[in-house]
Structure formats: C-alpha cells, structure tokens
Amino acid sequence: MSAQCQVTGRSPGFGNRVSHSHRRTRRRWDPNIQTKTYFLASEGRRVRLRVSAKGIKVIDRDGIEAVVARIRSRGEKI
C-alpha cells in the first residue's frame, strides 16, 4: 500500500540526508498515515480509511459524510 492519505492526498516528500561531513544521500519523509474506521450513518455501515493526521482534522471539521462524498467524486471506490 502506498503512503498516501485518501482525504488530503499527502504523499512522501523526498530530499537529501546531510551528514556531519556534508555527504548527501537520498531520503524520504513519510506522512503520518493512520488506518481509521468511521461510521457512515446514511449507509448504516463502517468505512476504513487510510488518513494522515491532517486528514483526521479535516474529517472532524467537515464531517465524514462530506469527506466521503468528496472522495467518491474523485472516482475513488470506498
């Protein structure tokens, strides 16, 4: 599975790890992805989403129904 948030679309960032001697090697910054289960009252079922910490805050702000509608409008299956 990819390290990508289903709500915000956040994905890993890439860059260089710089040592004390200033040698550079490639590295990546992964987003804080959590697997969360939410209850959809309109459908009477639970959905499991892979969301970042920012995505959890977006769901708290907008509501799970609105967020799921947005995800489905992008063509993603839930």
PDB file of N, CA and C in Angstrom:
ATOM      1  N   MET A   1       0.845  -1.194   0.000  1.00  0.00           N
ATOM      2  CA  MET A   1       0.000   0.000   0.000  1.00  0.00           C
ATOM      3  C   MET A   1       0.880   1.244   0.000  1.00  0.00           C
ATOM      4  N   SER A   2       0.409   2.269  -0.648  1.00  0.00           N
ATOM      5  CA  SER A   2       1.191   3.490  -0.730  1.00  0.00           C
ATOM      6  C   SER A   2       0.986   4.338   0.520  1.00  0.00           C
ATOM      7  N   ALA A   3       1.980   5.133   0.829  1.00  0.00           N
ATOM      8  CA  ALA A   3       1.892   6.028   1.980  1.00  0.00           C
ATOM      9  C   ALA A   3       1.227   7.319   1.533  1.00  0.00           C
ATOM     10  N   GLN A   4      -0.062   7.236   1.203  1.00  0.00           N
ATOM     11  CA  GLN A   4      -0.789   8.403   0.714  1.00  0.00           C
ATOM     12  C   GLN A   4      -2.121   8.512   1.436  1.00  0.00           C
ATOM     13  N   CYS A   5      -2.485   9.732   1.832  1.00  0.00           N
ATOM     14  CA  CYS A   5      -3.730   9.991   2.539  1.00  0.00           C
ATOM     15  C   CYS A   5      -4.888   9.996   1.544  1.00  0.00           C
ATOM     16  N   GLN A   6      -5.988   9.304   1.882  1.00  0.00           N
ATOM     17  CA  GLN A   6      -7.141   9.259   0.986  1.00  0.00           C
ATOM     18  C   GLN A   6      -7.940  10.560   1.022  1.00  0.00           C
ATOM     19  N   VAL A   7      -7.771  11.369   2.061  1.00  0.00           N
ATOM     20  CA  VAL A   7      -8.539  12.604   2.192  1.00  0.00           C
ATOM     21  C   VAL A   7      -7.784  13.783   1.596  1.00  0.00           C
ATOM     22  N   THR A   8      -6.554  14.003   2.037  1.00  0.00           N
ATOM     23  CA  THR A   8      -5.807  15.184   1.602  1.00  0.00           C
ATOM     24  C   THR A   8      -4.875  14.911   0.435  1.00  0.00           C
ATOM     25  N   GLY A   9      -4.557  13.639   0.188  1.00  0.00           N
ATOM     26  CA  GLY A   9      -3.646  13.305  -0.908  1.00  0.00           C
ATOM     27  C   GLY A   9      -2.189  13.480  -0.557  1.00  0.00           C
ATOM     28  N   ARG A  10      -1.885  13.692   0.716  1.00  0.00           N
ATOM     29  CA  ARG A  10      -0.488  13.854   1.111  1.00  0.00           C
ATOM     30  C   ARG A  10       0.289  12.580   0.828  1.00  0.00           C
ATOM     31  N   SER A  11       1.501  12.751   0.294  1.00  0.00           N
ATOM     32  CA  SER A  11       2.355  11.627  -0.039  1.00  0.00           C
ATOM     33  C   SER A  11       3.774  11.937   0.441  1.00  0.00           C
ATOM     34  N   PRO A  12       4.683  10.973   0.364  1.00  0.00           N
ATOM     35  CA  PRO A  12       6.034  11.218   0.877  1.00  0.00           C
ATOM     36  C   PRO A  12       6.749  12.353   0.160  1.00  0.00           C
ATOM     37  N   GLY A  13       7.579  13.065   0.918  1.00  0.00           N
ATOM     38  CA  GLY A  13       8.458  14.075   0.358  1.00  0.00           C
ATOM     39  C   GLY A  13       9.850  13.490   0.252  1.00  0.00           C
ATOM     40  N   PHE A  14      10.637  13.948  -0.703  1.00  0.00           N
ATOM     41  CA  PHE A  14      11.961  13.400  -0.922  1.00  0.00           C
ATOM     42  C   PHE A  14      12.999  14.497  -0.807  1.00  0.00           C
ATOM     43  N   GLY A  15      14.209  14.118  -0.398  1.00  0.00           N
ATOM     44  CA  GLY A  15      15.280  15.091  -0.265  1.00  0.00           C
ATOM     45  C   GLY A  15      16.583  14.401   0.055  1.00  0.00           C
ATOM     46  N   ASN A  16      17.490  15.134   0.657  1.00  0.00           N
ATOM     47  CA  ASN A  16      18.812  14.615   0.993  1.00  0.00           C
ATOM     48  C   ASN A  16      19.006  14.558   2.496  1.00  0.00           C
ATOM     49  N   ARG A  17      19.659  13.478   2.936  1.00  0.00           N
ATOM     50  CA  ARG A  17      20.145  13.383   4.308  1.00  0.00           C
ATOM     51  C   ARG A  17      21.573  13.915   4.252  1.00  0.00           C
ATOM     52  N   VAL A  18      21.890  14.900   5.083  1.00  0.00           N
ATOM     53  CA  VAL A  18      23.215  15.521   5.044  1.00  0.00           C
ATOM     54  C   VAL A  18      23.943  15.174   6.333  1.00  0.00           C
ATOM     55  N   SER A  19      25.066  14.497   6.201  1.00  0.00           N
ATOM     56  CA  SER A  19      25.836  14.077   7.368  1.00  0.00           C
ATOM     57  C   SER A  19      26.697  15.228   7.881  1.00  0.00           C
ATOM     58  N   HIS A  20      27.400  14.957   8.974  1.00  0.00           N
ATOM     59  CA  HIS A  20      28.281  15.970   9.551  1.00  0.00           C
ATOM     60  C   HIS A  20      29.378  16.364   8.567  1.00  0.00           C
ATOM     61  N   SER A  21      29.844  15.393   7.791  1.00  0.00           N
ATOM     62  CA  SER A  21      30.895  15.682   6.800  1.00  0.00           C
ATOM     63  C   SER A  21      30.322  16.251   5.503  1.00  0.00           C
ATOM     64  N   HIS A  22      29.015  16.466   5.488  1.00  0.00           N
ATOM     65  CA  HIS A  22      28.279  17.074   4.370  1.00  0.00           C
ATOM     66  C   HIS A  22      28.110  16.140   3.181  1.00  0.00           C
ATOM     67  N   ARG A  23      28.230  14.830   3.403  1.00  0.00           N
ATOM     68  CA  ARG A  23      27.904  13.869   2.345  1.00  0.00           C
ATOM     69  C   ARG A  23      26.396  13.790   2.233  1.00  0.00           C
ATOM     70  N   ARG A  24      25.889  13.638   1.026  1.00  0.00           N
ATOM     71  CA  ARG A  24      24.437  13.640   0.814  1.00  0.00           C
ATOM     72  C   ARG A  24      23.969  12.291   0.280  1.00  0.00           C
ATOM     73  N   THR A  25      22.925  11.764   0.927  1.00  0.00           N
ATOM     74  CA  THR A  25      22.272  10.556   0.459  1.00  0.00           C
ATOM     75  C   THR A  25      20.778  10.825   0.428  1.00  0.00           C
ATOM     76  N   ARG A  26      20.071  10.105  -0.437  1.00  0.00           N
ATOM     77  CA  ARG A  26      18.636  10.357  -0.610  1.00  0.00           C
ATOM     78  C   ARG A  26      17.838   9.804   0.578  1.00  0.00           C
ATOM     79  N   ARG A  27      16.773  10.485   0.925  1.00  0.00           N
ATOM     80  CA  ARG A  27      15.877  10.041   1.984  1.00  0.00           C
ATOM     81  C   ARG A  27      14.458  10.459   1.655  1.00  0.00           C
ATOM     82  N   ARG A  28      13.506   9.976   2.462  1.00  0.00           N
ATOM     83  CA  ARG A  28      12.117  10.377   2.248  1.00  0.00           C
ATOM     84  C   ARG A  28      11.444  10.652   3.583  1.00  0.00           C
ATOM     85  N   TRP A  29      10.511  11.600   3.555  1.00  0.00           N
ATOM     86  CA  TRP A  29       9.703  11.946   4.712  1.00  0.00           C
ATOM     87  C   TRP A  29       8.314  11.387   4.475  1.00  0.00           C
ATOM     88  N   ASP A  30       7.927  10.390   5.262  1.00  0.00           N
ATOM     89  CA  ASP A  30       6.607   9.789   5.106  1.00  0.00           C
ATOM     90  C   ASP A  30       5.574  10.572   5.909  1.00  0.00           C
ATOM     91  N   PRO A  31       4.363  10.736   5.387  1.00  0.00           N
ATOM     92  CA  PRO A  31       3.301  11.386   6.171  1.00  0.00           C
ATOM     93  C   PRO A  31       2.839  10.455   7.291  1.00  0.00           C
ATOM     94  N   ASN A  32       2.214  11.028   8.295  1.00  0.00           N
ATOM     95  CA  ASN A  32       1.742  10.271   9.460  1.00  0.00           C
ATOM     96  C   ASN A  32       0.415   9.599   9.091  1.00  0.00           C
ATOM     97  N   ILE A  33       0.491   8.428   8.445  1.00  0.00           N
ATOM     98  CA  ILE A  33      -0.696   7.724   7.948  1.00  0.00           C
ATOM     99  C   ILE A  33      -1.249   6.805   9.032  1.00  0.00           C
ATOM    100  N   GLN A  34      -2.533   6.919   9.294  1.00  0.00           N
ATOM    101  CA  GLN A  34      -3.239   6.073  10.251  1.00  0.00           C
ATOM    102  C   GLN A  34      -4.399   5.390   9.530  1.00  0.00           C
ATOM    103  N   THR A  35      -4.738   4.185   9.967  1.00  0.00           N
ATOM    104  CA  THR A  35      -5.923   3.500   9.459  1.00  0.00           C
ATOM    105  C   THR A  35      -7.048   3.741  10.452  1.00  0.00           C
ATOM    106  N   LYS A  36      -8.091   4.436  10.026  1.00  0.00           N
ATOM    107  CA  LYS A  36      -9.202   4.787  10.915  1.00  0.00           C
ATOM    108  C   LYS A  36     -10.503   4.230  10.351  1.00  0.00           C
ATOM    109  N   THR A  37     -11.399   3.823  11.261  1.00  0.00           N
ATOM    110  CA  THR A  37     -12.713   3.324  10.872  1.00  0.00           C
ATOM    111  C   THR A  37     -13.749   4.358  11.274  1.00  0.00           C
ATOM    112  N   TYR A  38     -14.594   4.741  10.335  1.00  0.00           N
ATOM    113  CA  TYR A  38     -15.653   5.715  10.583  1.00  0.00           C
ATOM    114  C   TYR A  38     -17.001   5.084  10.258  1.00  0.00           C
ATOM    115  N   PHE A  39     -18.042   5.517  10.973  1.00  0.00           N
ATOM    116  CA  PHE A  39     -19.390   5.005  10.742  1.00  0.00           C
ATOM    117  C   PHE A  39     -20.140   5.970   9.845  1.00  0.00           C
ATOM    118  N   LEU A  40     -20.653   5.461   8.712  1.00  0.00           N
ATOM    119  CA  LEU A  40     -21.481   6.259   7.808  1.00  0.00           C
ATOM    120  C   LEU A  40     -22.942   6.006   8.170  1.00  0.00           C
ATOM    121  N   ALA A  41     -23.575   6.988   8.781  1.00  0.00           N
ATOM    122  CA  ALA A  41     -24.964   6.818   9.221  1.00  0.00           C
ATOM    123  C   ALA A  41     -25.915   6.686   8.041  1.00  0.00           C
ATOM    124  N   SER A  42     -25.616   7.377   6.937  1.00  0.00           N
ATOM    125  CA  SER A  42     -26.515   7.338   5.776  1.00  0.00           C
ATOM    126  C   SER A  42     -26.571   5.949   5.146  1.00  0.00           C
ATOM    127  N   GLU A  43     -25.483   5.191   5.231  1.00  0.00           N
ATOM    128  CA  GLU A  43     -25.439   3.852   4.643  1.00  0.00           C
ATOM    129  C   GLU A  43     -25.547   2.758   5.691  1.00  0.00           C
ATOM    130  N   GLY A  44     -25.464   3.121   6.968  1.00  0.00           N
ATOM    131  CA  GLY A  44     -25.557   2.149   8.042  1.00  0.00           C
ATOM    132  C   GLY A  44     -24.395   1.170   8.077  1.00  0.00           C
ATOM    133  N   ARG A  45     -23.206   1.629   7.685  1.00  0.00           N
ATOM    134  CA  ARG A  45     -22.037   0.754   7.684  1.00  0.00           C
ATOM    135  C   ARG A  45     -20.788   1.533   8.055  1.00  0.00           C
ATOM    136  N   ARG A  46     -19.720   0.786   8.308  1.00  0.00           N
ATOM    137  CA  ARG A  46     -18.442   1.400   8.635  1.00  0.00           C
ATOM    138  C   ARG A  46     -17.540   1.409   7.411  1.00  0.00           C
ATOM    139  N   VAL A  47     -16.710   2.448   7.307  1.00  0.00           N
ATOM    140  CA  VAL A  47     -15.711   2.524   6.239  1.00  0.00           C
ATOM    141  C   VAL A  47     -14.341   2.678   6.888  1.00  0.00           C
ATOM    142  N   ARG A  48     -13.354   2.029   6.281  1.00  0.00           N
ATOM    143  CA  ARG A  48     -11.989   2.108   6.780  1.00  0.00           C
ATOM    144  C   ARG A  48     -11.184   2.971   5.824  1.00  0.00           C
ATOM    145  N   LEU A  49     -10.559   4.014   6.341  1.00  0.00           N
ATOM    146  CA  LEU A  49      -9.796   4.955   5.523  1.00  0.00           C
ATOM    147  C   LEU A  49      -8.352   5.011   5.991  1.00  0.00           C
ATOM    148  N   ARG A  50      -7.450   5.233   5.042  1.00  0.00           N
ATOM    149  CA  ARG A  50      -6.039   5.496   5.362  1.00  0.00           C
ATOM    150  C   ARG A  50      -5.857   7.008   5.293  1.00  0.00           C
ATOM    151  N   VAL A  51      -5.770   7.638   6.463  1.00  0.00           N
ATOM    152  CA  VAL A  51      -5.734   9.096   6.528  1.00  0.00           C
ATOM    153  C   VAL A  51      -4.509   9.568   7.293  1.00  0.00           C
ATOM    154  N   SER A  52      -4.057  10.764   6.958  1.00  0.00           N
ATOM    155  CA  SER A  52      -2.970  11.397   7.691  1.00  0.00           C
ATOM    156  C   SER A  52      -3.557  12.115   8.902  1.00  0.00           C
ATOM    157  N   ALA A  53      -2.692  12.602   9.770  1.00  0.00           N
ATOM    158  CA  ALA A  53      -3.146  13.341  10.942  1.00  0.00           C
ATOM    159  C   ALA A  53      -3.926  14.588  10.512  1.00  0.00           C
ATOM    160  N   LYS A  54      -3.499  15.225   9.438  1.00  0.00           N
ATOM    161  CA  LYS A  54      -4.222  16.380   8.895  1.00  0.00           C
ATOM    162  C   LYS A  54      -5.575  15.950   8.338  1.00  0.00           C
ATOM    163  N   GLY A  55      -5.639  14.767   7.720  1.00  0.00           N
ATOM    164  CA  GLY A  55      -6.898  14.252   7.194  1.00  0.00           C
ATOM    165  C   GLY A  55      -7.916  13.989   8.284  1.00  0.00           C
ATOM    166  N   ILE A  56      -7.454  13.536   9.454  1.00  0.00           N
ATOM    167  CA  ILE A  56      -8.346  13.315  10.595  1.00  0.00           C
ATOM    168  C   ILE A  56      -8.963  14.636  11.041  1.00  0.00           C
ATOM    169  N   LYS A  57      -8.150  15.688  11.031  1.00  0.00           N
ATOM    170  CA  LYS A  57      -8.654  17.012  11.410  1.00  0.00           C
ATOM    171  C   LYS A  57      -9.666  17.529  10.391  1.00  0.00           C
ATOM    172  N   VAL A  58      -9.439  17.236   9.107  1.00  0.00           N
ATOM    173  CA  VAL A  58     -10.377  17.648   8.058  1.00  0.00           C
ATOM    174  C   VAL A  58     -11.715  16.936   8.249  1.00  0.00           C
ATOM    175  N   ILE A  59     -11.674  15.634   8.593  1.00  0.00           N
ATOM    176  CA  ILE A  59     -12.906  14.887   8.827  1.00  0.00           C
ATOM    177  C   ILE A  59     -13.636  15.432  10.051  1.00  0.00           C
ATOM    178  N   ASP A  60     -12.899  15.785  11.105  1.00  0.00           N
ATOM    179  CA  ASP A  60     -13.525  16.374  12.289  1.00  0.00           C
ATOM    180  C   ASP A  60     -14.191  17.703  11.962  1.00  0.00           C
ATOM    181  N   ARG A  61     -13.575  18.474  11.067  1.00  0.00           N
ATOM    182  CA  ARG A  61     -14.100  19.792  10.714  1.00  0.00           C
ATOM    183  C   ARG A  61     -15.313  19.694   9.788  1.00  0.00           C
ATOM    184  N   ASP A  62     -15.205  18.899   8.707  1.00  0.00           N
ATOM    185  CA  ASP A  62     -16.228  18.875   7.669  1.00  0.00           C
ATOM    186  C   ASP A  62     -17.280  17.792   7.865  1.00  0.00           C
ATOM    187  N   GLY A  63     -16.947  16.743   8.591  1.00  0.00           N
ATOM    188  CA  GLY A  63     -17.862  15.614   8.763  1.00  0.00           C
ATOM    189  C   GLY A  63     -17.532  14.493   7.791  1.00  0.00           C
ATOM    190  N   ILE A  64     -17.755  13.266   8.233  1.00  0.00           N
ATOM    191  CA  ILE A  64     -17.385  12.102   7.434  1.00  0.00           C
ATOM    192  C   ILE A  64     -18.224  11.992   6.163  1.00  0.00           C
ATOM    193  N   GLU A  65     -19.496  12.385   6.227  1.00  0.00           N
ATOM    194  CA  GLU A  65     -20.366  12.281   5.044  1.00  0.00           C
ATOM    195  C   GLU A  65     -19.853  13.162   3.905  1.00  0.00           C
ATOM    196  N   ALA A  66     -19.474  14.397   4.222  1.00  0.00           N
ATOM    197  CA  ALA A  66     -18.985  15.319   3.197  1.00  0.00           C
ATOM    198  C   ALA A  66     -17.648  14.856   2.630  1.00  0.00           C
ATOM    199  N   VAL A  67     -16.790  14.331   3.493  1.00  0.00           N
ATOM    200  CA  VAL A  67     -15.472  13.877   3.040  1.00  0.00           C
ATOM    201  C   VAL A  67     -15.606  12.657   2.132  1.00  0.00           C
ATOM    202  N   VAL A  68     -16.482  11.711   2.496  1.00  0.00           N
ATOM    203  CA  VAL A  68     -16.688  10.526   1.662  1.00  0.00           C
ATOM    204  C   VAL A  68     -17.278  10.928   0.308  1.00  0.00           C
ATOM    205  N   ALA A  69     -18.177  11.904   0.300  1.00  0.00           N
ATOM    206  CA  ALA A  69     -18.740  12.380  -0.968  1.00  0.00           C
ATOM    207  C   ALA A  69     -17.641  12.966  -1.846  1.00  0.00           C
ATOM    208  N   ARG A  70     -16.704  13.701  -1.246  1.00  0.00           N
ATOM    209  CA  ARG A  70     -15.591  14.285  -1.995  1.00  0.00           C
ATOM    210  C   ARG A  70     -14.681  13.203  -2.579  1.00  0.00           C
ATOM    211  N   ILE A  71     -14.413  12.167  -1.771  1.00  0.00           N
ATOM    212  CA  ILE A  71     -13.550  11.075  -2.231  1.00  0.00           C
ATOM    213  C   ILE A  71     -14.212  10.345  -3.398  1.00  0.00           C
ATOM    214  N   ARG A  72     -15.516  10.106  -3.293  1.00  0.00           N
ATOM    215  CA  ARG A  72     -16.234   9.408  -4.360  1.00  0.00           C
ATOM    216  C   ARG A  72     -16.330  10.252  -5.623  1.00  0.00           C
ATOM    217  N   SER A  73     -16.393  11.574  -5.480  1.00  0.00           N
ATOM    218  CA  SER A  73     -16.468  12.440  -6.670  1.00  0.00           C
ATOM    219  C   SER A  73     -15.166  12.392  -7.466  1.00  0.00           C
ATOM    220  N   ARG A  74     -14.063  12.055  -6.802  1.00  0.00           N
ATOM    221  CA  ARG A  74     -12.780  11.873  -7.492  1.00  0.00           C
ATOM    222  C   ARG A  74     -12.711  10.542  -8.221  1.00  0.00           C
ATOM    223  N   GLY A  75     -13.694   9.661  -7.962  1.00  0.00           N
ATOM    224  CA  GLY A  75     -13.727   8.374  -8.634  1.00  0.00           C
ATOM    225  C   GLY A  75     -13.094   7.252  -7.838  1.00  0.00           C
ATOM    226  N   GLU A  76     -12.727   7.527  -6.578  1.00  0.00           N
ATOM    227  CA  GLU A  76     -12.129   6.507  -5.734  1.00  0.00           C
ATOM    228  C   GLU A  76     -13.222   5.674  -5.089  1.00  0.00           C
ATOM    229  N   LYS A  77     -13.048   4.364  -5.072  1.00  0.00           N
ATOM    230  CA  LYS A  77     -14.048   3.464  -4.508  1.00  0.00           C
ATOM    231  C   LYS A  77     -13.828   3.297  -3.007  1.00  0.00           C
ATOM    232  N   ILE A  78     -14.932   3.377  -2.247  1.00  0.00           N
ATOM    233  CA  ILE A  78     -14.844   3.193  -0.793  1.00  0.00           C
ATOM    234  C   ILE A  78     -15.769   2.066  -0.396  1.00  0.00           C
TER     235      ILE A  78
END
